[in-house]
């Protein structure tokens, strides 16, 4: 996957996680979305945004990986 595309997906996911709980109010989003403007909340949102972007990248490039290749990076 292109690095710029992954960065764009990361920014979109970070924005969704930043305003996800505030705009919906759903309680099950508290562990992954930001609930206030603290440094920890921004680190948490950054971690989960990158984690989800990496999962999306894995699903997209999974077919191109060799079956005997243990490490995908």
N, C-alpha and C. Protein backbone atom coordinates (compact mmCIF):
# COMPACT_ATOMS: atom_id res chain seq x y z
N UNK A 1 0.84 -1.17 0.00
CA UNK A 1 0.00 0.00 0.00
C UNK A 1 0.89 1.24 0.00
N UNK A 2 0.48 2.21 -0.71
CA UNK A 2 1.22 3.46 -0.80
C UNK A 2 1.27 4.14 0.57
N UNK A 3 2.42 4.71 0.91
CA UNK A 3 2.61 5.35 2.21
C UNK A 3 1.68 6.54 2.38
N UNK A 4 1.49 7.31 1.32
CA UNK A 4 0.60 8.46 1.40
C UNK A 4 -0.85 8.04 1.60
N UNK A 5 -1.24 6.94 0.98
CA UNK A 5 -2.60 6.44 1.16
C UNK A 5 -2.81 5.96 2.59
N UNK A 6 -1.82 5.27 3.14
CA UNK A 6 -1.95 4.81 4.52
C UNK A 6 -2.00 5.99 5.48
N UNK A 7 -1.21 7.03 5.22
CA UNK A 7 -1.24 8.23 6.06
C UNK A 7 -2.60 8.92 5.97
N UNK A 8 -3.18 8.95 4.78
CA UNK A 8 -4.50 9.55 4.60
C UNK A 8 -5.56 8.76 5.36
N UNK A 9 -5.49 7.42 5.26
CA UNK A 9 -6.43 6.57 6.00
C UNK A 9 -6.27 6.78 7.50
N UNK A 10 -5.01 6.91 7.96
CA UNK A 10 -4.74 7.17 9.38
C UNK A 10 -5.39 8.48 9.82
N UNK A 11 -5.24 9.53 9.03
CA UNK A 11 -5.82 10.82 9.40
C UNK A 11 -7.34 10.78 9.44
N UNK A 12 -7.94 10.08 8.50
CA UNK A 12 -9.39 9.93 8.49
C UNK A 12 -9.85 9.18 9.73
N UNK A 13 -9.18 8.07 10.05
CA UNK A 13 -9.55 7.30 11.23
C UNK A 13 -9.31 8.08 12.51
N UNK A 14 -8.22 8.85 12.57
CA UNK A 14 -7.95 9.66 13.75
C UNK A 14 -9.06 10.70 13.95
N UNK A 15 -9.48 11.31 12.88
CA UNK A 15 -10.58 12.28 12.97
C UNK A 15 -11.88 11.63 13.44
N UNK A 16 -12.16 10.44 12.92
CA UNK A 16 -13.37 9.73 13.36
C UNK A 16 -13.29 9.35 14.83
N UNK A 17 -12.11 8.90 15.27
CA UNK A 17 -11.95 8.54 16.67
C UNK A 17 -11.95 9.77 17.58
N UNK A 18 -11.47 10.88 17.07
CA UNK A 18 -11.41 12.10 17.88
C UNK A 18 -12.81 12.61 18.21
N UNK A 19 -13.70 12.56 17.24
CA UNK A 19 -15.04 13.09 17.45
C UNK A 19 -16.10 11.99 17.55
N UNK A 20 -15.70 10.74 17.59
CA UNK A 20 -16.66 9.64 17.59
C UNK A 20 -17.53 9.58 18.82
N UNK A 21 -16.93 9.63 19.99
CA UNK A 21 -17.71 9.53 21.22
C UNK A 21 -18.50 10.81 21.46
N UNK A 22 -17.88 11.94 21.18
CA UNK A 22 -18.55 13.23 21.42
C UNK A 22 -19.79 13.40 20.55
N UNK A 23 -19.71 12.95 19.32
CA UNK A 23 -20.84 13.16 18.41
C UNK A 23 -21.92 12.09 18.56
N UNK A 24 -21.56 10.88 19.00
CA UNK A 24 -22.56 9.83 19.13
C UNK A 24 -23.01 9.61 20.57
N UNK A 25 -22.09 9.71 21.53
CA UNK A 25 -22.42 9.47 22.93
C UNK A 25 -22.57 8.00 23.28
N UNK A 26 -22.17 7.11 22.39
CA UNK A 26 -22.29 5.68 22.65
C UNK A 26 -21.21 5.24 23.64
N UNK A 27 -21.63 4.55 24.70
CA UNK A 27 -20.72 4.20 25.78
C UNK A 27 -19.66 3.18 25.37
N UNK A 28 -19.96 2.30 24.43
CA UNK A 28 -18.98 1.28 24.05
C UNK A 28 -17.81 1.86 23.25
N UNK A 29 -17.90 3.11 22.82
CA UNK A 29 -16.80 3.75 22.11
C UNK A 29 -15.77 4.38 23.04
N UNK A 30 -16.06 4.46 24.34
CA UNK A 30 -15.14 5.10 25.28
C UNK A 30 -13.74 4.49 25.29
N UNK A 31 -13.58 3.17 25.22
CA UNK A 31 -12.21 2.62 25.27
C UNK A 31 -11.33 2.97 24.07
N UNK A 32 -11.91 3.26 22.91
CA UNK A 32 -11.08 3.55 21.74
C UNK A 32 -11.15 4.99 21.28
N UNK A 33 -12.21 5.71 21.63
CA UNK A 33 -12.35 7.11 21.21
C UNK A 33 -11.88 8.04 22.32
N UNK A 34 -11.59 9.26 21.94
CA UNK A 34 -11.19 10.27 22.91
C UNK A 34 -12.39 10.83 23.64
N UNK A 35 -12.26 10.97 24.96
CA UNK A 35 -13.36 11.52 25.75
C UNK A 35 -13.05 12.93 26.23
N UNK A 36 -11.78 13.33 26.23
CA UNK A 36 -11.41 14.70 26.57
C UNK A 36 -10.15 15.06 25.80
N UNK A 37 -9.56 16.20 26.08
CA UNK A 37 -8.42 16.70 25.29
C UNK A 37 -7.07 16.44 25.96
N UNK A 38 -6.96 15.39 26.76
CA UNK A 38 -5.68 15.12 27.43
C UNK A 38 -4.70 14.46 26.45
N UNK A 39 -3.43 14.48 26.86
CA UNK A 39 -2.38 13.88 26.03
C UNK A 39 -2.62 12.38 25.89
N UNK A 40 -3.01 11.72 26.98
CA UNK A 40 -3.25 10.28 26.93
C UNK A 40 -4.34 9.94 25.92
N UNK A 41 -5.41 10.72 25.89
CA UNK A 41 -6.50 10.44 24.96
C UNK A 41 -6.04 10.56 23.51
N UNK A 42 -5.19 11.53 23.23
CA UNK A 42 -4.67 11.68 21.87
C UNK A 42 -3.71 10.55 21.51
N UNK A 43 -2.91 10.09 22.47
CA UNK A 43 -2.05 8.93 22.20
C UNK A 43 -2.88 7.68 21.96
N UNK A 44 -3.95 7.52 22.74
CA UNK A 44 -4.84 6.37 22.57
C UNK A 44 -5.50 6.40 21.19
N UNK A 45 -5.99 7.55 20.78
CA UNK A 45 -6.61 7.67 19.46
C UNK A 45 -5.60 7.43 18.35
N UNK A 46 -4.38 7.91 18.53
CA UNK A 46 -3.33 7.68 17.54
C UNK A 46 -2.99 6.21 17.41
N UNK A 47 -2.90 5.52 18.56
CA UNK A 47 -2.60 4.09 18.53
C UNK A 47 -3.69 3.32 17.80
N UNK A 48 -4.94 3.55 18.17
CA UNK A 48 -6.03 2.80 17.55
C UNK A 48 -6.21 3.17 16.08
N UNK A 49 -5.97 4.42 15.72
CA UNK A 49 -6.07 4.81 14.31
C UNK A 49 -5.01 4.09 13.49
N UNK A 50 -3.78 4.02 14.01
CA UNK A 50 -2.72 3.31 13.28
C UNK A 50 -2.99 1.80 13.25
N UNK A 51 -3.51 1.26 14.34
CA UNK A 51 -3.84 -0.17 14.40
C UNK A 51 -4.89 -0.51 13.35
N UNK A 52 -5.95 0.28 13.27
CA UNK A 52 -7.00 0.02 12.28
C UNK A 52 -6.51 0.26 10.85
N UNK A 53 -5.64 1.25 10.65
CA UNK A 53 -5.07 1.48 9.32
C UNK A 53 -4.19 0.30 8.91
N UNK A 54 -3.46 -0.27 9.86
CA UNK A 54 -2.63 -1.43 9.56
C UNK A 54 -3.48 -2.66 9.26
N UNK A 55 -4.60 -2.80 9.96
CA UNK A 55 -5.51 -3.91 9.66
C UNK A 55 -6.10 -3.77 8.25
N UNK A 56 -6.47 -2.56 7.89
CA UNK A 56 -6.98 -2.32 6.53
C UNK A 56 -5.90 -2.63 5.51
N UNK A 57 -4.67 -2.21 5.79
CA UNK A 57 -3.56 -2.49 4.87
C UNK A 57 -3.34 -3.99 4.74
N UNK A 58 -3.41 -4.73 5.84
CA UNK A 58 -3.20 -6.17 5.80
C UNK A 58 -4.29 -6.85 4.97
N UNK A 59 -5.53 -6.43 5.14
CA UNK A 59 -6.62 -7.03 4.37
C UNK A 59 -6.43 -6.77 2.88
N UNK A 60 -5.94 -5.58 2.53
CA UNK A 60 -5.76 -5.24 1.12
C UNK A 60 -4.60 -6.01 0.50
N UNK A 61 -3.47 -6.14 1.20
CA UNK A 61 -2.29 -6.79 0.61
C UNK A 61 -2.17 -8.26 0.97
N UNK A 62 -3.14 -8.81 1.68
CA UNK A 62 -3.06 -10.20 2.12
C UNK A 62 -2.91 -11.16 0.95
N UNK A 63 -3.56 -10.88 -0.14
CA UNK A 63 -3.51 -11.78 -1.30
C UNK A 63 -2.14 -11.82 -1.95
N UNK A 64 -1.39 -10.72 -1.83
CA UNK A 64 -0.07 -10.66 -2.46
C UNK A 64 1.02 -11.30 -1.61
N UNK A 65 0.74 -11.61 -0.36
CA UNK A 65 1.74 -12.22 0.50
C UNK A 65 1.88 -13.70 0.16
N UNK A 66 3.08 -14.19 0.26
CA UNK A 66 3.31 -15.61 0.02
C UNK A 66 2.80 -16.41 1.21
N UNK A 67 2.36 -17.62 0.94
CA UNK A 67 1.81 -18.46 2.00
C UNK A 67 2.88 -18.86 3.01
N UNK A 68 4.12 -19.00 2.58
CA UNK A 68 5.17 -19.42 3.50
C UNK A 68 5.90 -18.25 4.15
N UNK A 69 5.47 -17.04 3.90
CA UNK A 69 6.10 -15.86 4.49
C UNK A 69 5.46 -15.59 5.85
N UNK A 70 6.23 -15.78 6.92
CA UNK A 70 5.69 -15.61 8.26
C UNK A 70 5.50 -14.14 8.61
N UNK A 71 6.47 -13.31 8.28
CA UNK A 71 6.41 -11.88 8.59
C UNK A 71 5.90 -11.13 7.38
N UNK A 72 4.89 -10.32 7.58
CA UNK A 72 4.34 -9.58 6.44
C UNK A 72 5.05 -8.26 6.20
N UNK A 73 5.93 -7.85 7.09
CA UNK A 73 6.65 -6.59 6.87
C UNK A 73 7.96 -6.88 6.29
